[in-house]
Amino acid sequence: MKRLSGRNKGLAIIEFTLVSWLVFLLIFIILALGAYIFSLQMVSEATRKAARLATVCYVADRDNIAGMVVGDIPLIGFTNTNLEVAYLDIDGNEITSGYETDPVFSTIKFVRARATGYGVQLIGDLSFFGTGGYLTAPSFETILPAESLGVVRADSETRNRCP
């Protein structure tokens, strides 16, 4: 077995140094992009959950739905202000007021949940992605047909309320 001379040992260290930074950078990029993709999936899940809750909860609880969903989503920096719930008519126009009373209540045909304004801060060493490592997530939207909207029975005042 041939032994390496002192000069060859130094050469191996230099070769390792030249190649290792690229390997470590690649590992960090894979981890950061994995975290970014996970965040995008969670934001999409938040819109799905919010839309589903809005189809079965009473319309007066519209502002509570975002808080319920955000509490279940494991994302740093994702708040109630990033999630919006709206009620739509048959043409897809947003109903902005009076949706708790007839005749407007009966015109609600769809529920939309939209997530906007969220971004992910990547590892500081990856600052060449986005602005200082901050990647803005695209807006996500889920639209579902309105179901009960919290009304248990048409001839009753009982409503499914969401805390």
N, C-alpha and C. Protein backbone atom coordinates (compact mmCIF):
# COMPACT_ATOMS: atom_id res chain seq x y z
N MET A 1 0.83 -1.16 0.00
CA MET A 1 0.00 0.00 0.00
C MET A 1 0.89 1.24 0.00
N LYS A 2 0.57 2.16 -0.88
CA LYS A 2 1.39 3.35 -1.03
C LYS A 2 0.87 4.45 -0.11
N ARG A 3 1.78 5.08 0.58
CA ARG A 3 1.43 6.16 1.50
C ARG A 3 1.47 7.49 0.76
N LEU A 4 0.56 8.37 1.13
CA LEU A 4 0.55 9.70 0.53
C LEU A 4 1.64 10.55 1.16
N SER A 5 2.30 11.30 0.36
CA SER A 5 3.30 12.22 0.90
C SER A 5 2.59 13.43 1.48
N GLY A 6 3.31 14.24 2.21
CA GLY A 6 2.73 15.43 2.82
C GLY A 6 2.15 16.38 1.79
N ARG A 7 2.77 16.44 0.64
CA ARG A 7 2.30 17.34 -0.42
C ARG A 7 0.94 16.87 -0.96
N ASN A 8 0.77 15.56 -1.13
CA ASN A 8 -0.50 15.02 -1.64
C ASN A 8 -1.63 15.18 -0.62
N LYS A 9 -1.31 15.11 0.66
CA LYS A 9 -2.33 15.33 1.68
C LYS A 9 -2.86 16.75 1.60
N GLY A 10 -1.99 17.70 1.40
CA GLY A 10 -2.39 19.10 1.26
C GLY A 10 -3.24 19.32 0.03
N LEU A 11 -2.93 18.61 -1.03
CA LEU A 11 -3.70 18.72 -2.26
C LEU A 11 -5.12 18.19 -2.06
N ALA A 12 -5.27 17.12 -1.31
CA ALA A 12 -6.61 16.56 -1.05
C ALA A 12 -7.46 17.55 -0.25
N ILE A 13 -6.85 18.25 0.69
CA ILE A 13 -7.59 19.24 1.48
C ILE A 13 -8.05 20.39 0.59
N ILE A 14 -7.20 20.82 -0.31
CA ILE A 14 -7.56 21.91 -1.23
C ILE A 14 -8.68 21.45 -2.17
N GLU A 15 -8.60 20.25 -2.69
CA GLU A 15 -9.65 19.73 -3.56
C GLU A 15 -10.98 19.62 -2.81
N PHE A 16 -10.92 19.14 -1.57
CA PHE A 16 -12.13 19.04 -0.76
C PHE A 16 -12.74 20.43 -0.54
N THR A 17 -11.91 21.41 -0.25
CA THR A 17 -12.39 22.77 -0.01
C THR A 17 -13.05 23.35 -1.25
N LEU A 18 -12.46 23.10 -2.39
CA LEU A 18 -13.01 23.64 -3.63
C LEU A 18 -14.34 22.99 -4.02
N VAL A 19 -14.51 21.74 -3.69
CA VAL A 19 -15.73 21.02 -4.08
C VAL A 19 -16.80 21.08 -3.00
N SER A 20 -16.40 21.12 -1.72
CA SER A 20 -17.37 21.02 -0.63
C SER A 20 -18.33 22.19 -0.58
N TRP A 21 -17.89 23.42 -0.89
CA TRP A 21 -18.80 24.56 -0.81
C TRP A 21 -19.96 24.39 -1.77
N LEU A 22 -19.68 23.79 -2.93
CA LEU A 22 -20.74 23.56 -3.90
C LEU A 22 -21.73 22.51 -3.39
N VAL A 23 -21.22 21.48 -2.76
CA VAL A 23 -22.09 20.44 -2.20
C VAL A 23 -22.95 21.01 -1.08
N PHE A 24 -22.35 21.79 -0.19
CA PHE A 24 -23.11 22.38 0.91
C PHE A 24 -24.14 23.39 0.39
N LEU A 25 -23.77 24.18 -0.59
CA LEU A 25 -24.72 25.11 -1.19
C LEU A 25 -25.91 24.36 -1.80
N LEU A 26 -25.64 23.28 -2.48
CA LEU A 26 -26.71 22.47 -3.07
C LEU A 26 -27.63 21.90 -1.99
N ILE A 27 -27.07 21.45 -0.89
CA ILE A 27 -27.88 20.92 0.22
C ILE A 27 -28.76 22.03 0.80
N PHE A 28 -28.19 23.22 1.02
CA PHE A 28 -28.97 24.33 1.56
C PHE A 28 -30.09 24.76 0.61
N ILE A 29 -29.80 24.76 -0.68
CA ILE A 29 -30.83 25.12 -1.67
C ILE A 29 -31.96 24.11 -1.65
N ILE A 30 -31.64 22.83 -1.57
CA ILE A 30 -32.67 21.80 -1.52
C ILE A 30 -33.53 21.95 -0.27
N LEU A 31 -32.90 22.21 0.88
CA LEU A 31 -33.65 22.38 2.13
C LEU A 31 -34.54 23.64 2.07
N ALA A 32 -33.99 24.73 1.57
CA ALA A 32 -34.76 25.98 1.50
C ALA A 32 -35.94 25.86 0.54
N LEU A 33 -35.71 25.28 -0.61
CA LEU A 33 -36.81 25.13 -1.56
C LEU A 33 -37.85 24.13 -1.05
N GLY A 34 -37.41 23.12 -0.31
CA GLY A 34 -38.36 22.21 0.32
C GLY A 34 -39.24 22.93 1.32
N ALA A 35 -38.65 23.82 2.12
CA ALA A 35 -39.42 24.61 3.09
C ALA A 35 -40.37 25.56 2.36
N TYR A 36 -39.94 26.12 1.25
CA TYR A 36 -40.79 27.03 0.47
C TYR A 36 -41.98 26.28 -0.12
N ILE A 37 -41.73 25.12 -0.68
CA ILE A 37 -42.82 24.32 -1.26
C ILE A 37 -43.79 23.86 -0.18
N PHE A 38 -43.26 23.49 1.00
CA PHE A 38 -44.12 23.13 2.12
C PHE A 38 -45.01 24.31 2.51
N SER A 39 -44.43 25.51 2.55
CA SER A 39 -45.21 26.71 2.88
C SER A 39 -46.31 26.96 1.86
N LEU A 40 -45.99 26.79 0.60
CA LEU A 40 -47.01 26.97 -0.44
C LEU A 40 -48.14 25.97 -0.27
N GLN A 41 -47.81 24.74 0.05
CA GLN A 41 -48.83 23.71 0.26
C GLN A 41 -49.71 24.06 1.46
N MET A 42 -49.11 24.58 2.52
CA MET A 42 -49.88 24.94 3.72
C MET A 42 -50.80 26.13 3.44
N VAL A 43 -50.34 27.10 2.65
CA VAL A 43 -51.19 28.24 2.29
C VAL A 43 -52.37 27.76 1.45
N SER A 44 -52.12 26.85 0.53
CA SER A 44 -53.19 26.27 -0.27
C SER A 44 -54.18 25.52 0.62
N GLU A 45 -53.66 24.78 1.58
CA GLU A 45 -54.52 24.05 2.52
C GLU A 45 -55.35 25.01 3.36
N ALA A 46 -54.78 26.16 3.72
CA ALA A 46 -55.52 27.14 4.51
C ALA A 46 -56.73 27.67 3.73
N THR A 47 -56.56 27.92 2.44
CA THR A 47 -57.70 28.39 1.66
C THR A 47 -58.76 27.30 1.52
N ARG A 48 -58.32 26.07 1.37
CA ARG A 48 -59.28 24.97 1.26
C ARG A 48 -60.08 24.82 2.55
N LYS A 49 -59.40 24.87 3.70
CA LYS A 49 -60.08 24.74 4.98
C LYS A 49 -61.04 25.91 5.22
N ALA A 50 -60.59 27.11 4.92
CA ALA A 50 -61.43 28.29 5.14
C ALA A 50 -62.68 28.24 4.27
N ALA A 51 -62.54 27.85 3.02
CA ALA A 51 -63.70 27.76 2.13
C ALA A 51 -64.66 26.68 2.62
N ARG A 52 -64.13 25.58 3.07
CA ARG A 52 -64.99 24.49 3.57
C ARG A 52 -65.75 24.93 4.81
N LEU A 53 -65.08 25.59 5.74
CA LEU A 53 -65.76 26.07 6.93
C LEU A 53 -66.83 27.11 6.57
N ALA A 54 -66.53 27.97 5.63
CA ALA A 54 -67.49 29.02 5.25
C ALA A 54 -68.74 28.44 4.61
N THR A 55 -68.64 27.27 3.99
CA THR A 55 -69.83 26.68 3.37
C THR A 55 -70.80 26.10 4.40
N VAL A 56 -70.30 25.78 5.59
CA VAL A 56 -71.16 25.14 6.60
C VAL A 56 -71.35 25.97 7.86
N CYS A 57 -70.68 27.10 7.98
CA CYS A 57 -70.85 27.98 9.14
C CYS A 57 -71.75 29.16 8.76
N TYR A 58 -72.41 29.70 9.75
CA TYR A 58 -73.31 30.82 9.52
C TYR A 58 -72.51 32.03 9.01
N VAL A 59 -73.09 32.79 8.11
CA VAL A 59 -72.38 33.88 7.44
C VAL A 59 -71.92 34.98 8.40
N ALA A 60 -72.57 35.13 9.54
CA ALA A 60 -72.16 36.14 10.52
C ALA A 60 -70.80 35.81 11.13
N ASP A 61 -70.37 34.57 11.00
CA ASP A 61 -69.09 34.14 11.56
C ASP A 61 -67.95 34.21 10.55
N ARG A 62 -68.17 34.90 9.46
CA ARG A 62 -67.18 34.98 8.38
C ARG A 62 -65.82 35.47 8.88
N ASP A 63 -65.81 36.44 9.77
CA ASP A 63 -64.55 36.99 10.26
C ASP A 63 -63.84 36.07 11.24
N ASN A 64 -64.55 35.12 11.83
CA ASN A 64 -63.94 34.17 12.77
C ASN A 64 -63.23 33.03 12.06
N ILE A 65 -63.62 32.76 10.83
CA ILE A 65 -63.10 31.59 10.10
C ILE A 65 -61.59 31.70 9.89
N ALA A 66 -61.11 32.86 9.53
CA ALA A 66 -59.66 33.02 9.29
C ALA A 66 -58.87 32.70 10.55
N GLY A 67 -59.33 33.15 11.70
CA GLY A 67 -58.65 32.87 12.96
C GLY A 67 -58.62 31.39 13.29
N MET A 68 -59.72 30.69 13.00
CA MET A 68 -59.77 29.25 13.26
C MET A 68 -58.78 28.50 12.38
N VAL A 69 -58.68 28.89 11.14
CA VAL A 69 -57.82 28.20 10.18
C VAL A 69 -56.35 28.50 10.46
N VAL A 70 -56.04 29.77 10.71
CA VAL A 70 -54.65 30.17 10.94
C VAL A 70 -54.08 29.46 12.17
N GLY A 71 -54.90 29.21 13.17
CA GLY A 71 -54.45 28.50 14.35
C GLY A 71 -54.01 27.07 14.07
N ASP A 72 -54.54 26.47 13.00
CA ASP A 72 -54.21 25.09 12.65
C ASP A 72 -53.08 24.96 11.64
N ILE A 73 -52.66 26.06 11.04
CA ILE A 73 -51.64 26.01 9.99
C ILE A 73 -50.27 26.30 10.60
N PRO A 74 -49.31 25.38 10.45
CA PRO A 74 -47.99 25.56 11.07
C PRO A 74 -47.05 26.44 10.24
N LEU A 75 -47.41 27.71 10.07
CA LEU A 75 -46.58 28.62 9.30
C LEU A 75 -46.23 29.85 10.14
N ILE A 76 -44.98 30.22 10.13
CA ILE A 76 -44.54 31.42 10.82
C ILE A 76 -44.91 32.63 9.96
N GLY A 77 -45.57 33.59 10.56
CA GLY A 77 -45.91 34.82 9.85
C GLY A 77 -47.22 34.78 9.08
N PHE A 78 -47.91 33.66 9.04
CA PHE A 78 -49.20 33.58 8.36
C PHE A 78 -50.27 33.97 9.38
N THR A 79 -50.97 35.09 9.11
CA THR A 79 -51.93 35.63 10.07
C THR A 79 -53.32 35.75 9.45
N ASN A 80 -54.26 36.19 10.27
CA ASN A 80 -55.65 36.38 9.81
C ASN A 80 -55.74 37.36 8.65
N THR A 81 -54.82 38.31 8.60
CA THR A 81 -54.87 39.31 7.54
C THR A 81 -54.48 38.73 6.18
N ASN A 82 -53.83 37.57 6.19
CA ASN A 82 -53.46 36.92 4.93
C ASN A 82 -54.60 36.11 4.33
N LEU A 83 -55.68 35.90 5.08
CA LEU A 83 -56.76 35.02 4.64
C LEU A 83 -58.08 35.79 4.63
N GLU A 84 -58.76 35.74 3.50
CA GLU A 84 -60.02 36.48 3.33
C GLU A 84 -61.11 35.52 2.86
N VAL A 85 -62.28 35.63 3.48
CA VAL A 85 -63.43 34.82 3.09
C VAL A 85 -64.49 35.76 2.51
N ALA A 86 -65.06 35.36 1.36
CA ALA A 86 -66.09 36.18 0.72
C ALA A 86 -67.21 35.29 0.20
N TYR A 87 -68.40 35.88 0.10
CA TYR A 87 -69.56 35.17 -0.44
C TYR A 87 -69.86 35.73 -1.82
N LEU A 88 -70.18 34.85 -2.74
CA LEU A 88 -70.38 35.25 -4.14
C LEU A 88 -71.78 34.89 -4.62
N ASP A 89 -72.29 35.67 -5.56
CA ASP A 89 -73.58 35.34 -6.17
C ASP A 89 -73.37 34.40 -7.35
N ILE A 90 -74.42 34.11 -8.08
CA ILE A 90 -74.37 33.14 -9.17
C ILE A 90 -73.41 33.56 -10.28
N ASP A 91 -73.18 34.87 -10.45
CA ASP A 91 -72.30 35.38 -11.49
C ASP A 91 -70.85 35.52 -11.02
N GLY A 92 -70.58 35.18 -9.75
CA GLY A 92 -69.24 35.29 -9.21
C GLY A 92 -68.91 36.66 -8.64
N ASN A 93 -69.92 37.53 -8.52
CA ASN A 93 -69.71 38.86 -7.94
C ASN A 93 -69.76 38.75 -6.42
N GLU A 94 -68.87 39.47 -5.76
CA GLU A 94 -68.81 39.42 -4.30
C GLU A 94 -69.99 40.17 -3.69
N ILE A 95 -70.59 39.55 -2.69
CA ILE A 95 -71.66 40.17 -1.92
C ILE A 95 -70.99 40.83 -0.73
N THR A 96 -71.06 42.15 -0.66
CA THR A 96 -70.29 42.87 0.36
C THR A 96 -71.08 43.26 1.60
N SER A 97 -72.40 43.27 1.52
CA SER A 97 -73.18 43.64 2.70
C SER A 97 -74.56 43.01 2.63
N GLY A 98 -75.20 42.95 3.80
CA GLY A 98 -76.55 42.43 3.88
C GLY A 98 -76.66 40.94 3.65
N TYR A 99 -75.55 40.22 3.70
CA TYR A 99 -75.62 38.79 3.39
C TYR A 99 -76.22 37.96 4.51
N GLU A 100 -76.51 38.56 5.65
CA GLU A 100 -77.12 37.82 6.75
C GLU A 100 -78.65 37.78 6.65
N THR A 101 -79.24 38.62 5.83
CA THR A 101 -80.70 38.71 5.76
C THR A 101 -81.18 38.41 4.35
N ASP A 102 -82.42 37.97 4.26
CA ASP A 102 -83.03 37.78 2.94
C ASP A 102 -83.41 39.14 2.38
N PRO A 103 -83.41 39.33 1.12
CA PRO A 103 -83.23 38.35 0.05
C PRO A 103 -81.76 38.10 -0.33
N VAL A 104 -80.82 38.87 0.24
CA VAL A 104 -79.42 38.72 -0.14
C VAL A 104 -78.88 37.35 0.28
N PHE A 105 -79.26 36.86 1.45
CA PHE A 105 -78.76 35.57 1.93
C PHE A 105 -79.05 34.46 0.92
N SER A 106 -80.21 34.49 0.33
CA SER A 106 -80.57 33.43 -0.61
C SER A 106 -79.85 33.56 -1.96
N THR A 107 -79.20 34.69 -2.21
CA THR A 107 -78.45 34.84 -3.46
C THR A 107 -77.02 34.33 -3.36
N ILE A 108 -76.58 33.95 -2.16
CA ILE A 108 -75.22 33.41 -2.00
C ILE A 108 -75.17 32.02 -2.62
N LYS A 109 -74.35 31.86 -3.61
CA LYS A 109 -74.22 30.57 -4.30
C LYS A 109 -72.83 29.96 -4.17
N PHE A 110 -71.82 30.78 -3.90
CA PHE A 110 -70.45 30.30 -3.79
C PHE A 110 -69.75 30.97 -2.62
N VAL A 111 -68.71 30.29 -2.13
CA VAL A 111 -67.87 30.82 -1.07
C VAL A 111 -66.44 30.83 -1.60
N ARG A 112 -65.75 31.95 -1.40
CA ARG A 112 -64.36 32.06 -1.86
C ARG A 112 -63.45 32.34 -0.67
N ALA A 113 -62.36 31.61 -0.58
CA ALA A 113 -61.31 31.89 0.40
C ALA A 113 -60.04 32.21 -0.38
N ARG A 114 -59.42 33.31 -0.02
CA ARG A 114 -58.24 33.78 -0.76
C ARG A 114 -57.12 34.09 0.23
N ALA A 115 -55.92 33.62 -0.08
CA ALA A 115 -54.73 33.90 0.73
C ALA A 115 -53.79 34.78 -0.10
N THR A 116 -53.44 35.92 0.46
CA THR A 116 -52.55 36.86 -0.24
C THR A 116 -51.55 37.46 0.75
N GLY A 117 -50.50 38.04 0.21
CA GLY A 117 -49.56 38.80 1.03
C GLY A 117 -48.66 37.99 1.92
N TYR A 118 -48.45 36.73 1.63
CA TYR A 118 -47.58 35.90 2.46
C TYR A 118 -46.28 35.62 1.73
N GLY A 119 -45.21 35.55 2.46
CA GLY A 119 -43.92 35.23 1.88
C GLY A 119 -43.09 34.40 2.84
N VAL A 120 -42.02 33.83 2.32
CA VAL A 120 -41.16 32.95 3.10
C VAL A 120 -39.75 33.52 3.11
N GLN A 121 -39.18 33.63 4.31
CA GLN A 121 -37.79 34.07 4.46
C GLN A 121 -36.89 32.84 4.42
N LEU A 122 -36.06 32.76 3.39
CA LEU A 122 -35.15 31.62 3.26
C LEU A 122 -33.93 31.83 4.14
N ILE A 123 -33.06 30.83 4.20
CA ILE A 123 -31.82 30.90 4.95
C ILE A 123 -31.01 32.10 4.44
N GLY A 124 -30.41 32.84 5.34
CA GLY A 124 -29.69 34.05 4.98
C GLY A 124 -28.62 33.85 3.92
N ASP A 125 -27.99 32.67 3.90
CA ASP A 125 -26.94 32.41 2.91
C ASP A 125 -27.50 32.29 1.50
N LEU A 126 -28.80 32.14 1.38
CA LEU A 126 -29.42 32.02 0.06
C LEU A 126 -30.09 33.33 -0.34
N SER A 127 -29.46 34.43 0.02
CA SER A 127 -30.06 35.74 -0.22
C SER A 127 -30.14 36.10 -1.70
N PHE A 128 -29.51 35.32 -2.56
CA PHE A 128 -29.62 35.61 -3.99
C PHE A 128 -30.96 35.18 -4.55
N PHE A 129 -31.80 34.46 -3.75
CA PHE A 129 -33.17 34.15 -4.14
C PHE A 129 -34.05 35.30 -3.66
N GLY A 130 -34.76 35.92 -4.53
CA GLY A 130 -35.68 36.97 -4.12
C GLY A 130 -34.95 38.17 -3.56
N THR A 131 -35.62 38.97 -2.76
CA THR A 131 -35.05 40.16 -2.14
C THR A 131 -34.54 39.79 -0.76
N GLY A 132 -33.24 39.63 -0.63
CA GLY A 132 -32.65 39.27 0.65
C GLY A 132 -33.09 37.90 1.14
N GLY A 133 -33.40 37.00 0.24
CA GLY A 133 -33.83 35.67 0.63
C GLY A 133 -35.32 35.57 0.92
N TYR A 134 -36.09 36.64 0.69
CA TYR A 134 -37.53 36.63 0.94
C TYR A 134 -38.25 36.34 -0.37
N LEU A 135 -39.00 35.25 -0.39
CA LEU A 135 -39.78 34.88 -1.58
C LEU A 135 -41.25 35.10 -1.30
N THR A 136 -41.90 35.90 -2.10
CA THR A 136 -43.33 36.15 -1.95
C THR A 136 -44.10 34.99 -2.54
N ALA A 137 -45.04 34.47 -1.76
CA ALA A 137 -45.87 33.36 -2.23
C ALA A 137 -46.95 33.92 -3.16
N PRO A 138 -47.31 33.18 -4.19
CA PRO A 138 -48.41 33.64 -5.05
C PRO A 138 -49.72 33.59 -4.26
N SER A 139 -50.73 34.31 -4.74
CA SER A 139 -52.01 34.26 -4.05
C SER A 139 -52.72 32.96 -4.41
N PHE A 140 -53.39 32.40 -3.42
CA PHE A 140 -54.14 31.15 -3.60
C PHE A 140 -55.60 31.45 -3.39
N GLU A 141 -56.45 30.71 -4.10
CA GLU A 141 -57.89 30.93 -4.01
C GLU A 141 -58.61 29.60 -4.13
N THR A 142 -59.61 29.41 -3.29
CA THR A 142 -60.47 28.23 -3.37
C THR A 142 -61.91 28.71 -3.41
N ILE A 143 -62.67 28.22 -4.37
CA ILE A 143 -64.09 28.56 -4.49
C ILE A 143 -64.89 27.27 -4.41
N LEU A 144 -65.84 27.24 -3.50
CA LEU A 144 -66.71 26.08 -3.33
C LEU A 144 -68.17 26.51 -3.43
N PRO A 145 -69.05 25.62 -3.87
CA PRO A 145 -70.47 25.96 -3.87
C PRO A 145 -70.99 26.08 -2.43
N ALA A 146 -71.86 27.05 -2.22
CA ALA A 146 -72.44 27.24 -0.89
C ALA A 146 -73.30 26.04 -0.54
N GLU A 147 -73.18 25.60 0.70
CA GLU A 147 -74.01 24.48 1.16
C GLU A 147 -75.06 25.03 2.11
N SER A 148 -75.01 24.65 3.37
CA SER A 148 -76.04 25.09 4.31
C SER A 148 -75.82 26.51 4.80
N LEU A 149 -74.59 27.02 4.75
CA LEU A 149 -74.23 28.34 5.28
C LEU A 149 -74.70 28.49 6.72
N GLY A 150 -74.68 27.40 7.46
CA GLY A 150 -75.01 27.42 8.86
C GLY A 150 -76.48 27.30 9.20
N VAL A 151 -77.33 27.25 8.19
CA VAL A 151 -78.77 27.16 8.45
C VAL A 151 -79.12 25.69 8.63
N VAL A 152 -79.59 25.34 9.83
CA VAL A 152 -79.92 23.95 10.13
C VAL A 152 -81.21 23.55 9.42
N ARG A 153 -82.24 24.35 9.60
CA ARG A 153 -83.51 24.12 8.91
C ARG A 153 -84.08 25.46 8.51
N ALA A 154 -84.71 25.52 7.37
CA ALA A 154 -85.22 26.79 6.85
C ALA A 154 -86.28 27.41 7.76
N ASP A 155 -87.08 26.57 8.44
CA ASP A 155 -88.16 27.11 9.28
C ASP A 155 -87.72 27.30 10.74
N SER A 156 -86.41 27.27 10.99
CA SER A 156 -85.89 27.38 12.34
C SER A 156 -84.91 28.55 12.43
N GLU A 157 -84.75 29.09 13.61
CA GLU A 157 -83.75 30.14 13.84
C GLU A 157 -82.41 29.56 14.28
N THR A 158 -82.31 28.23 14.36
CA THR A 158 -81.08 27.59 14.77
C THR A 158 -80.03 27.71 13.68
N ARG A 159 -78.84 28.13 14.05
CA ARG A 159 -77.74 28.31 13.10
C ARG A 159 -76.49 27.61 13.63
N ASN A 160 -75.70 27.01 12.72
CA ASN A 160 -74.42 26.45 13.09
C ASN A 160 -73.43 27.59 13.20
N ARG A 161 -73.04 27.89 14.43
CA ARG A 161 -72.12 28.99 14.66
C ARG A 161 -70.70 28.45 14.80
N CYS A 162 -69.76 29.17 14.22
CA CYS A 162 -68.35 28.80 14.34
C CYS A 162 -67.71 29.76 15.31
N PRO A 163 -67.03 29.22 16.31
CA PRO A 163 -66.46 30.12 17.35
C PRO A 163 -65.48 31.10 16.79
